Amino acid sequence: MTDVTTLLSTLRRPRLLIRAARLGLEHYNRNRDLKRVMRTGTAPSPARALTALIEEEARMEDIRRSGDATYNVTRHVEVLIALMGEARLLPEERHAA
């Protein structure tokens, strides 16, 4: 999971997108929202969900940057909310001193 954690900590997106996602994170309900965002019948493990969400978010970012008319800011924020919510479920690494 270190790679995912590193990737998330270096992710750079417009402030407005991140602020909107952080506000939505307060109301994130994994059982309700993850299935809808991932368009699946069952919620996968946080690790699997993160992998798929990272790929989807990167795709959304490419569309946003290209100026494509198919870009959906609402969907992008929903994916970012789920990404942040699932990242919180990852076990924290404990380092021995």
PDB file of N, CA and C in Angstrom:
ATOM      1  N   MET A   1       0.797  -1.197   0.000  1.00  0.00           N
ATOM      2  CA  MET A   1       0.000   0.000   0.000  1.00  0.00           C
ATOM      3  C   MET A   1       0.843   1.266   0.000  1.00  0.00           C
ATOM      4  N   THR A   2       2.122   1.138   0.245  1.00  0.00           N
ATOM      5  CA  THR A   2       2.969   2.321   0.280  1.00  0.00           C
ATOM      6  C   THR A   2       2.900   3.067  -1.040  1.00  0.00           C
ATOM      7  N   ASP A   3       2.862   2.351  -2.160  1.00  0.00           N
ATOM      8  CA  ASP A   3       2.783   3.005  -3.460  1.00  0.00           C
ATOM      9  C   ASP A   3       1.513   3.832  -3.588  1.00  0.00           C
ATOM     10  N   VAL A   4       0.393   3.313  -3.118  1.00  0.00           N
ATOM     11  CA  VAL A   4      -0.873   4.030  -3.168  1.00  0.00           C
ATOM     12  C   VAL A   4      -0.806   5.257  -2.279  1.00  0.00           C
ATOM     13  N   THR A   5      -0.272   5.112  -1.091  1.00  0.00           N
ATOM     14  CA  THR A   5      -0.147   6.233  -0.166  1.00  0.00           C
ATOM     15  C   THR A   5       0.735   7.323  -0.748  1.00  0.00           C
ATOM     16  N   THR A   6       1.844   6.937  -1.346  1.00  0.00           N
ATOM     17  CA  THR A   6       2.739   7.904  -1.976  1.00  0.00           C
ATOM     18  C   THR A   6       2.044   8.601  -3.136  1.00  0.00           C
ATOM     19  N   LEU A   7       1.355   7.830  -3.955  1.00  0.00           N
ATOM     20  CA  LEU A   7       0.643   8.398  -5.093  1.00  0.00           C
ATOM     21  C   LEU A   7      -0.388   9.421  -4.627  1.00  0.00           C
ATOM     22  N   LEU A   8      -1.147   9.085  -3.614  1.00  0.00           N
ATOM     23  CA  LEU A   8      -2.177  10.001  -3.120  1.00  0.00           C
ATOM     24  C   LEU A   8      -1.577  11.259  -2.511  1.00  0.00           C
ATOM     25  N   SER A   9      -0.454  11.125  -1.849  1.00  0.00           N
ATOM     26  CA  SER A   9       0.149  12.302  -1.227  1.00  0.00           C
ATOM     27  C   SER A   9       0.767  13.242  -2.260  1.00  0.00           C
ATOM     28  N   THR A  10       1.062  12.734  -3.449  1.00  0.00           N
ATOM     29  CA  THR A  10       1.656  13.578  -4.486  1.00  0.00           C
ATOM     30  C   THR A  10       0.646  14.019  -5.542  1.00  0.00           C
ATOM     31  N   LEU A  11      -0.590  13.600  -5.391  1.00  0.00           N
ATOM     32  CA  LEU A  11      -1.641  13.951  -6.341  1.00  0.00           C
ATOM     33  C   LEU A  11      -1.877  15.461  -6.311  1.00  0.00           C
ATOM     34  N   ARG A  12      -1.828  16.099  -7.463  1.00  0.00           N
ATOM     35  CA  ARG A  12      -2.033  17.542  -7.569  1.00  0.00           C
ATOM     36  C   ARG A  12      -3.226  17.818  -8.476  1.00  0.00           C
ATOM     37  N   ARG A  13      -4.243  18.419  -7.900  1.00  0.00           N
ATOM     38  CA  ARG A  13      -5.443  18.771  -8.634  1.00  0.00           C
ATOM     39  C   ARG A  13      -5.842  20.192  -8.275  1.00  0.00           C
ATOM     40  N   PRO A  14      -6.693  20.821  -9.084  1.00  0.00           N
ATOM     41  CA  PRO A  14      -7.134  22.178  -8.760  1.00  0.00           C
ATOM     42  C   PRO A  14      -7.753  22.250  -7.359  1.00  0.00           C
ATOM     43  N   ARG A  15      -7.462  23.349  -6.680  1.00  0.00           N
ATOM     44  CA  ARG A  15      -7.941  23.524  -5.306  1.00  0.00           C
ATOM     45  C   ARG A  15      -9.439  23.371  -5.167  1.00  0.00           C
ATOM     46  N   LEU A  16     -10.174  23.882  -6.130  1.00  0.00           N
ATOM     47  CA  LEU A  16     -11.623  23.816  -6.055  1.00  0.00           C
ATOM     48  C   LEU A  16     -12.126  22.374  -6.068  1.00  0.00           C
ATOM     49  N   LEU A  17     -11.523  21.520  -6.890  1.00  0.00           N
ATOM     50  CA  LEU A  17     -11.901  20.100  -6.907  1.00  0.00           C
ATOM     51  C   LEU A  17     -11.627  19.447  -5.558  1.00  0.00           C
ATOM     52  N   ILE A  18     -10.464  19.715  -5.002  1.00  0.00           N
ATOM     53  CA  ILE A  18     -10.080  19.102  -3.721  1.00  0.00           C
ATOM     54  C   ILE A  18     -10.976  19.615  -2.597  1.00  0.00           C
ATOM     55  N   ARG A  19     -11.253  20.904  -2.591  1.00  0.00           N
ATOM     56  CA  ARG A  19     -12.130  21.465  -1.551  1.00  0.00           C
ATOM     57  C   ARG A  19     -13.522  20.858  -1.624  1.00  0.00           C
ATOM     58  N   ALA A  20     -14.055  20.717  -2.826  1.00  0.00           N
ATOM     59  CA  ALA A  20     -15.377  20.112  -2.991  1.00  0.00           C
ATOM     60  C   ALA A  20     -15.372  18.668  -2.503  1.00  0.00           C
ATOM     61  N   ALA A  21     -14.324  17.935  -2.829  1.00  0.00           N
ATOM     62  CA  ALA A  21     -14.230  16.537  -2.398  1.00  0.00           C
ATOM     63  C   ALA A  21     -14.111  16.444  -0.880  1.00  0.00           C
ATOM     64  N   ARG A  22     -13.331  17.311  -0.272  1.00  0.00           N
ATOM     65  CA  ARG A  22     -13.196  17.288   1.186  1.00  0.00           C
ATOM     66  C   ARG A  22     -14.520  17.585   1.874  1.00  0.00           C
ATOM     67  N   LEU A  23     -15.280  18.518   1.319  1.00  0.00           N
ATOM     68  CA  LEU A  23     -16.594  18.820   1.890  1.00  0.00           C
ATOM     69  C   LEU A  23     -17.530  17.617   1.759  1.00  0.00           C
ATOM     70  N   GLY A  24     -17.484  16.949   0.629  1.00  0.00           N
ATOM     71  CA  GLY A  24     -18.329  15.782   0.413  1.00  0.00           C
ATOM     72  C   GLY A  24     -17.914  14.576   1.230  1.00  0.00           C
ATOM     73  N   LEU A  25     -16.665  14.531   1.614  1.00  0.00           N
ATOM     74  CA  LEU A  25     -16.142  13.393   2.379  1.00  0.00           C
ATOM     75  C   LEU A  25     -16.867  13.218   3.707  1.00  0.00           C
ATOM     76  N   GLU A  26     -17.331  14.313   4.262  1.00  0.00           N
ATOM     77  CA  GLU A  26     -18.060  14.274   5.538  1.00  0.00           C
ATOM     78  C   GLU A  26     -19.310  13.393   5.434  1.00  0.00           C
ATOM     79  N   HIS A  27     -19.903  13.334   4.253  1.00  0.00           N
ATOM     80  CA  HIS A  27     -21.143  12.582   4.058  1.00  0.00           C
ATOM     81  C   HIS A  27     -20.934  11.268   3.301  1.00  0.00           C
ATOM     82  N   TYR A  28     -19.681  10.877   3.099  1.00  0.00           N
ATOM     83  CA  TYR A  28     -19.378   9.656   2.349  1.00  0.00           C
ATOM     84  C   TYR A  28     -19.833   8.443   3.134  1.00  0.00           C
ATOM     85  N   ASN A  29     -20.635   7.618   2.483  1.00  0.00           N
ATOM     86  CA  ASN A  29     -21.110   6.364   3.058  1.00  0.00           C
ATOM     87  C   ASN A  29     -20.668   5.256   2.117  1.00  0.00           C
ATOM     88  N   ARG A  30     -19.718   4.476   2.566  1.00  0.00           N
ATOM     89  CA  ARG A  30     -19.108   3.461   1.709  1.00  0.00           C
ATOM     90  C   ARG A  30     -20.139   2.514   1.106  1.00  0.00           C
ATOM     91  N   ASN A  31     -21.060   2.018   1.933  1.00  0.00           N
ATOM     92  CA  ASN A  31     -22.046   1.045   1.450  1.00  0.00           C
ATOM     93  C   ASN A  31     -22.973   1.636   0.402  1.00  0.00           C
ATOM     94  N   ARG A  32     -23.282   2.883   0.518  1.00  0.00           N
ATOM     95  CA  ARG A  32     -24.180   3.527  -0.432  1.00  0.00           C
ATOM     96  C   ARG A  32     -23.423   4.086  -1.639  1.00  0.00           C
ATOM     97  N   ASP A  33     -22.366   4.814  -1.384  1.00  0.00           N
ATOM     98  CA  ASP A  33     -21.721   5.608  -2.428  1.00  0.00           C
ATOM     99  C   ASP A  33     -20.722   4.841  -3.278  1.00  0.00           C
ATOM    100  N   LEU A  34     -19.971   3.938  -2.688  1.00  0.00           N
ATOM    101  CA  LEU A  34     -18.916   3.259  -3.444  1.00  0.00           C
ATOM    102  C   LEU A  34     -19.481   2.433  -4.592  1.00  0.00           C
ATOM    103  N   LYS A  35     -20.558   1.721  -4.326  1.00  0.00           N
ATOM    104  CA  LYS A  35     -21.163   0.900  -5.378  1.00  0.00           C
ATOM    105  C   LYS A  35     -21.645   1.769  -6.538  1.00  0.00           C
ATOM    106  N   ARG A  36     -22.200   2.907  -6.221  1.00  0.00           N
ATOM    107  CA  ARG A  36     -22.693   3.808  -7.260  1.00  0.00           C
ATOM    108  C   ARG A  36     -21.540   4.409  -8.057  1.00  0.00           C
ATOM    109  N   VAL A  37     -20.514   4.879  -7.361  1.00  0.00           N
ATOM    110  CA  VAL A  37     -19.373   5.510  -8.035  1.00  0.00           C
ATOM    111  C   VAL A  37     -18.625   4.494  -8.897  1.00  0.00           C
ATOM    112  N   MET A  38     -18.471   3.288  -8.384  1.00  0.00           N
ATOM    113  CA  MET A  38     -17.733   2.263  -9.129  1.00  0.00           C
ATOM    114  C   MET A  38     -18.624   1.497 -10.111  1.00  0.00           C
ATOM    115  N   ARG A  39     -19.928   1.762 -10.033  1.00  0.00           N
ATOM    116  CA  ARG A  39     -20.889   1.101 -10.916  1.00  0.00           C
ATOM    117  C   ARG A  39     -20.801  -0.412 -10.808  1.00  0.00           C
ATOM    118  N   THR A  40     -20.910  -0.879  -9.553  1.00  0.00           N
ATOM    119  CA  THR A  40     -20.832  -2.301  -9.264  1.00  0.00           C
ATOM    120  C   THR A  40     -21.898  -2.676  -8.233  1.00  0.00           C
ATOM    121  N   GLY A  41     -22.235  -3.954  -8.170  1.00  0.00           N
ATOM    122  CA  GLY A  41     -23.269  -4.411  -7.245  1.00  0.00           C
ATOM    123  C   GLY A  41     -22.778  -4.599  -5.824  1.00  0.00           C
ATOM    124  N   THR A  42     -21.494  -4.854  -5.667  1.00  0.00           N
ATOM    125  CA  THR A  42     -20.933  -5.058  -4.334  1.00  0.00           C
ATOM    126  C   THR A  42     -19.694  -4.184  -4.164  1.00  0.00           C
ATOM    127  N   ALA A  43     -19.473  -3.774  -2.941  1.00  0.00           N
ATOM    128  CA  ALA A  43     -18.311  -2.930  -2.650  1.00  0.00           C
ATOM    129  C   ALA A  43     -17.075  -3.811  -2.480  1.00  0.00           C
ATOM    130  N   PRO A  44     -16.024  -3.559  -3.257  1.00  0.00           N
ATOM    131  CA  PRO A  44     -14.791  -4.332  -3.102  1.00  0.00           C
ATOM    132  C   PRO A  44     -14.022  -3.886  -1.862  1.00  0.00           C
ATOM    133  N   SER A  45     -12.945  -4.581  -1.571  1.00  0.00           N
ATOM    134  CA  SER A  45     -12.096  -4.202  -0.435  1.00  0.00           C
ATOM    135  C   SER A  45     -11.534  -2.800  -0.697  1.00  0.00           C
ATOM    136  N   PRO A  46     -11.153  -2.094   0.363  1.00  0.00           N
ATOM    137  CA  PRO A  46     -10.588  -0.757   0.169  1.00  0.00           C
ATOM    138  C   PRO A  46      -9.392  -0.739  -0.788  1.00  0.00           C
ATOM    139  N   ALA A  47      -8.526  -1.733  -0.704  1.00  0.00           N
ATOM    140  CA  ALA A  47      -7.348  -1.772  -1.573  1.00  0.00           C
ATOM    141  C   ALA A  47      -7.749  -1.914  -3.042  1.00  0.00           C
ATOM    142  N   ARG A  48      -8.678  -2.806  -3.320  1.00  0.00           N
ATOM    143  CA  ARG A  48      -9.139  -2.992  -4.707  1.00  0.00           C
ATOM    144  C   ARG A  48      -9.885  -1.761  -5.194  1.00  0.00           C
ATOM    145  N   ALA A  49     -10.700  -1.206  -4.315  1.00  0.00           N
ATOM    146  CA  ALA A  49     -11.446  -0.006  -4.684  1.00  0.00           C
ATOM    147  C   ALA A  49     -10.486   1.129  -5.027  1.00  0.00           C
ATOM    148  N   LEU A  50      -9.445   1.291  -4.223  1.00  0.00           N
ATOM    149  CA  LEU A  50      -8.483   2.365  -4.466  1.00  0.00           C
ATOM    150  C   LEU A  50      -7.798   2.224  -5.814  1.00  0.00           C
ATOM    151  N   THR A  51      -7.429   1.017  -6.155  1.00  0.00           N
ATOM    152  CA  THR A  51      -6.774   0.785  -7.441  1.00  0.00           C
ATOM    153  C   THR A  51      -7.685   1.230  -8.587  1.00  0.00           C
ATOM    154  N   ALA A  52      -8.934   0.803  -8.539  1.00  0.00           N
ATOM    155  CA  ALA A  52      -9.881   1.171  -9.589  1.00  0.00           C
ATOM    156  C   ALA A  52     -10.185   2.663  -9.574  1.00  0.00           C
ATOM    157  N   LEU A  53     -10.312   3.236  -8.386  1.00  0.00           N
ATOM    158  CA  LEU A  53     -10.619   4.666  -8.277  1.00  0.00           C
ATOM    159  C   LEU A  53      -9.466   5.534  -8.766  1.00  0.00           C
ATOM    160  N   ILE A  54      -8.259   5.107  -8.506  1.00  0.00           N
ATOM    161  CA  ILE A  54      -7.087   5.853  -8.983  1.00  0.00           C
ATOM    162  C   ILE A  54      -7.079   5.875 -10.507  1.00  0.00           C
ATOM    163  N   GLU A  55      -7.364   4.727 -11.112  1.00  0.00           N
ATOM    164  CA  GLU A  55      -7.410   4.656 -12.572  1.00  0.00           C
ATOM    165  C   GLU A  55      -8.524   5.537 -13.134  1.00  0.00           C
ATOM    166  N   GLU A  56      -9.693   5.473 -12.505  1.00  0.00           N
ATOM    167  CA  GLU A  56     -10.831   6.279 -12.971  1.00  0.00           C
ATOM    168  C   GLU A  56     -10.551   7.773 -12.791  1.00  0.00           C
ATOM    169  N   GLU A  57      -9.951   8.141 -11.680  1.00  0.00           N
ATOM    170  CA  GLU A  57      -9.652   9.548 -11.441  1.00  0.00           C
ATOM    171  C   GLU A  57      -8.625  10.054 -12.447  1.00  0.00           C
ATOM    172  N   ALA A  58      -7.637   9.255 -12.771  1.00  0.00           N
ATOM    173  CA  ALA A  58      -6.639   9.649 -13.760  1.00  0.00           C
ATOM    174  C   ALA A  58      -7.291   9.845 -15.131  1.00  0.00           C
ATOM    175  N   ARG A  59      -8.235   8.983 -15.461  1.00  0.00           N
ATOM    176  CA  ARG A  59      -8.971   9.115 -16.716  1.00  0.00           C
ATOM    177  C   ARG A  59      -9.775  10.418 -16.723  1.00  0.00           C
ATOM    178  N   MET A  60     -10.437  10.701 -15.597  1.00  0.00           N
ATOM    179  CA  MET A  60     -11.219  11.941 -15.483  1.00  0.00           C
ATOM    180  C   MET A  60     -10.311  13.167 -15.606  1.00  0.00           C
ATOM    181  N   GLU A  61      -9.148  13.094 -14.992  1.00  0.00           N
ATOM    182  CA  GLU A  61      -8.200  14.209 -15.050  1.00  0.00           C
ATOM    183  C   GLU A  61      -7.712  14.437 -16.479  1.00  0.00           C
ATOM    184  N   ASP A  62      -7.456  13.362 -17.211  1.00  0.00           N
ATOM    185  CA  ASP A  62      -7.037  13.493 -18.612  1.00  0.00           C
ATOM    186  C   ASP A  62      -8.123  14.174 -19.439  1.00  0.00           C
ATOM    187  N   ILE A  63      -9.367  13.788 -19.205  1.00  0.00           N
ATOM    188  CA  ILE A  63     -10.481  14.397 -19.930  1.00  0.00           C
ATOM    189  C   ILE A  63     -10.592  15.873 -19.560  1.00  0.00           C
ATOM    190  N   ARG A  64     -10.453  16.181 -18.277  1.00  0.00           N
ATOM    191  CA  ARG A  64     -10.535  17.577 -17.824  1.00  0.00           C
ATOM    192  C   ARG A  64      -9.455  18.419 -18.488  1.00  0.00           C
ATOM    193  N   ARG A  65      -8.232  17.920 -18.449  1.00  0.00           N
ATOM    194  CA  ARG A  65      -7.102  18.672 -19.010  1.00  0.00           C
ATOM    195  C   ARG A  65      -7.207  18.860 -20.517  1.00  0.00           C
ATOM    196  N   SER A  66      -7.811  17.910 -21.200  1.00  0.00           N
ATOM    197  CA  SER A  66      -7.918  18.001 -22.663  1.00  0.00           C
ATOM    198  C   SER A  66      -9.008  18.980 -23.100  1.00  0.00           C
ATOM    199  N   GLY A  67      -9.873  19.366 -22.175  1.00  0.00           N
ATOM    200  CA  GLY A  67     -10.960  20.268 -22.523  1.00  0.00           C
ATOM    201  C   GLY A  67     -12.107  19.575 -23.243  1.00  0.00           C
ATOM    202  N   ASP A  68     -12.135  18.260 -23.168  1.00  0.00           N
ATOM    203  CA  ASP A  68     -13.172  17.468 -23.820  1.00  0.00           C
ATOM    204  C   ASP A  68     -14.544  17.824 -23.248  1.00  0.00           C
ATOM    205  N   ALA A  69     -15.536  17.937 -24.118  1.00  0.00           N
ATOM    206  CA  ALA A  69     -16.893  18.298 -23.695  1.00  0.00           C
ATOM    207  C   ALA A  69     -17.564  17.203 -22.877  1.00  0.00           C
ATOM    208  N   THR A  70     -16.999  15.990 -22.860  1.00  0.00           N
ATOM    209  CA  THR A  70     -17.602  14.904 -22.086  1.00  0.00           C
ATOM    210  C   THR A  70     -17.215  14.954 -20.617  1.00  0.00           C
ATOM    211  N   TYR A  71     -16.347  15.900 -20.251  1.00  0.00           N
ATOM    212  CA  TYR A  71     -15.912  16.004 -18.853  1.00  0.00           C
ATOM    213  C   TYR A  71     -17.106  16.312 -17.958  1.00  0.00           C
ATOM    214  N   ASN A  72     -17.193  15.556 -16.852  1.00  0.00           N
ATOM    215  CA  ASN A  72     -18.285  15.719 -15.897  1.00  0.00           C
ATOM    216  C   ASN A  72     -17.668  16.042 -14.532  1.00  0.00           C
ATOM    217  N   VAL A  73     -17.724  17.295 -14.141  1.00  0.00           N
ATOM    218  CA  VAL A  73     -17.105  17.721 -12.890  1.00  0.00           C
ATOM    219  C   VAL A  73     -17.753  17.038 -11.687  1.00  0.00           C
ATOM    220  N   THR A  74     -19.052  16.798 -11.745  1.00  0.00           N
ATOM    221  CA  THR A  74     -19.736  16.122 -10.640  1.00  0.00           C
ATOM    222  C   THR A  74     -19.177  14.720 -10.452  1.00  0.00           C
ATOM    223  N   ARG A  75     -19.018  14.012 -11.528  1.00  0.00           N
ATOM    224  CA  ARG A  75     -18.457  12.645 -11.469  1.00  0.00           C
ATOM    225  C   ARG A  75     -17.031  12.691 -10.941  1.00  0.00           C
ATOM    226  N   HIS A  76     -16.252  13.656 -11.373  1.00  0.00           N
ATOM    227  CA  HIS A  76     -14.868  13.767 -10.915  1.00  0.00           C
ATOM    228  C   HIS A  76     -14.830  13.982  -9.404  1.00  0.00           C
ATOM    229  N   VAL A  77     -15.673  14.854  -8.893  1.00  0.00           N
ATOM    230  CA  VAL A  77     -15.719  15.099  -7.451  1.00  0.00           C
ATOM    231  C   VAL A  77     -16.168  13.837  -6.714  1.00  0.00           C
ATOM    232  N   GLU A  78     -17.155  13.137  -7.248  1.00  0.00           N
ATOM    233  CA  GLU A  78     -17.617  11.892  -6.613  1.00  0.00           C
ATOM    234  C   GLU A  78     -16.491  10.862  -6.535  1.00  0.00           C
ATOM    235  N   VAL A  79     -15.724  10.745  -7.599  1.00  0.00           N
ATOM    236  CA  VAL A  79     -14.603   9.797  -7.607  1.00  0.00           C
ATOM    237  C   VAL A  79     -13.544  10.234  -6.588  1.00  0.00           C
ATOM    238  N   LEU A  80     -13.258  11.521  -6.514  1.00  0.00           N
ATOM    239  CA  LEU A  80     -12.290  12.014  -5.526  1.00  0.00           C
ATOM    240  C   LEU A  80     -12.763  11.772  -4.099  1.00  0.00           C
ATOM    241  N   ILE A  81     -14.049  11.962  -3.843  1.00  0.00           N
ATOM    242  CA  ILE A  81     -14.600  11.701  -2.508  1.00  0.00           C
ATOM    243  C   ILE A  81     -14.399  10.235  -2.154  1.00  0.00           C
ATOM    244  N   ALA A  82     -14.770   9.348  -3.066  1.00  0.00           N
ATOM    245  CA  ALA A  82     -14.609   7.908  -2.815  1.00  0.00           C
ATOM    246  C   ALA A  82     -13.138   7.557  -2.623  1.00  0.00           C
ATOM    247  N   LEU A  83     -12.276   8.145  -3.411  1.00  0.00           N
ATOM    248  CA  LEU A  83     -10.835   7.905  -3.305  1.00  0.00           C
ATOM    249  C   LEU A  83     -10.330   8.299  -1.920  1.00  0.00           C
ATOM    250  N   MET A  84     -10.717   9.472  -1.458  1.00  0.00           N
ATOM    251  CA  MET A  84     -10.305   9.921  -0.125  1.00  0.00           C
ATOM    252  C   MET A  84     -10.913   9.044   0.973  1.00  0.00           C
ATOM    253  N   GLY A  85     -12.164   8.677   0.806  1.00  0.00           N
ATOM    254  CA  GLY A  85     -12.827   7.829   1.798  1.00  0.00           C
ATOM    255  C   GLY A  85     -12.194   6.457   1.913  1.00  0.00           C
ATOM    256  N   GLU A  86     -11.882   5.869   0.779  1.00  0.00           N
ATOM    257  CA  GLU A  86     -11.259   4.541   0.788  1.00  0.00           C
ATOM    258  C   GLU A  86      -9.830   4.605   1.314  1.00  0.00           C
ATOM    259  N   ALA A  87      -9.123   5.676   1.010  1.00  0.00           N
ATOM    260  CA  ALA A  87      -7.749   5.822   1.510  1.00  0.00           C
ATOM    261  C   ALA A  87      -7.731   5.859   3.032  1.00  0.00           C
ATOM    262  N   ARG A  88      -8.760   6.408   3.627  1.00  0.00           N
ATOM    263  CA  ARG A  88      -8.838   6.452   5.096  1.00  0.00           C
ATOM    264  C   ARG A  88      -8.993   5.063   5.711  1.00  0.00           C
ATOM    265  N   LEU A  89      -9.451   4.120   4.919  1.00  0.00           N
ATOM    266  CA  LEU A  89      -9.658   2.762   5.426  1.00  0.00           C
ATOM    267  C   LEU A  89      -8.414   1.889   5.347  1.00  0.00           C
ATOM    268  N   LEU A  90      -7.387   2.376   4.678  1.00  0.00           N
ATOM    269  CA  LEU A  90      -6.151   1.597   4.580  1.00  0.00           C
ATOM    270  C   LEU A  90      -5.501   1.509   5.955  1.00  0.00           C
ATOM    271  N   PRO A  91      -4.947   0.369   6.276  1.00  0.00           N
ATOM    272  CA  PRO A  91      -4.248   0.264   7.555  1.00  0.00           C
ATOM    273  C   PRO A  91      -3.007   1.147   7.553  1.00  0.00           C
ATOM    274  N   GLU A  92      -2.813   1.854   8.628  1.00  0.00           N
ATOM    275  CA  GLU A  92      -1.618   2.695   8.749  1.00  0.00           C
ATOM    276  C   GLU A  92      -0.432   1.812   9.047  1.00  0.00           C
ATOM    277  N   GLU A  93       0.686   2.112   8.387  1.00  0.00           N
ATOM    278  CA  GLU A  93       1.898   1.351   8.641  1.00  0.00           C
ATOM    279  C   GLU A  93       2.500   1.777   9.967  1.00  0.00           C
ATOM    280  N   ARG A  94       2.876   0.814  10.746  1.00  0.00           N
ATOM    281  CA  ARG A  94       3.499   1.076  12.035  1.00  0.00           C
ATOM    282  C   ARG A  94       4.995   0.858  11.883  1.00  0.00           C
ATOM    283  N   HIS A  95       5.778   1.864  12.175  1.00  0.00           N
ATOM    284  CA  HIS A  95       7.225   1.758  12.058  1.00  0.00           C
ATOM    285  C   HIS A  95       7.821   1.520  13.450  1.00  0.00           C
ATOM    286  N   ALA A  96       8.641   0.507  13.524  1.00  0.00           N
ATOM    287  CA  ALA A  96       9.306   0.220  14.799  1.00  0.00           C
ATOM    288  C   ALA A  96      10.474   1.185  14.983  1.00  0.00           C
ATOM    289  N   ALA A  97      10.629   1.687  16.164  1.00  0.00           N
ATOM    290  CA  ALA A  97      11.697   2.647  16.425  1.00  0.00           C
ATOM    291  C   ALA A  97      12.978   1.942  16.765  1.00  0.00           C
TER     292      ALA A  97
END
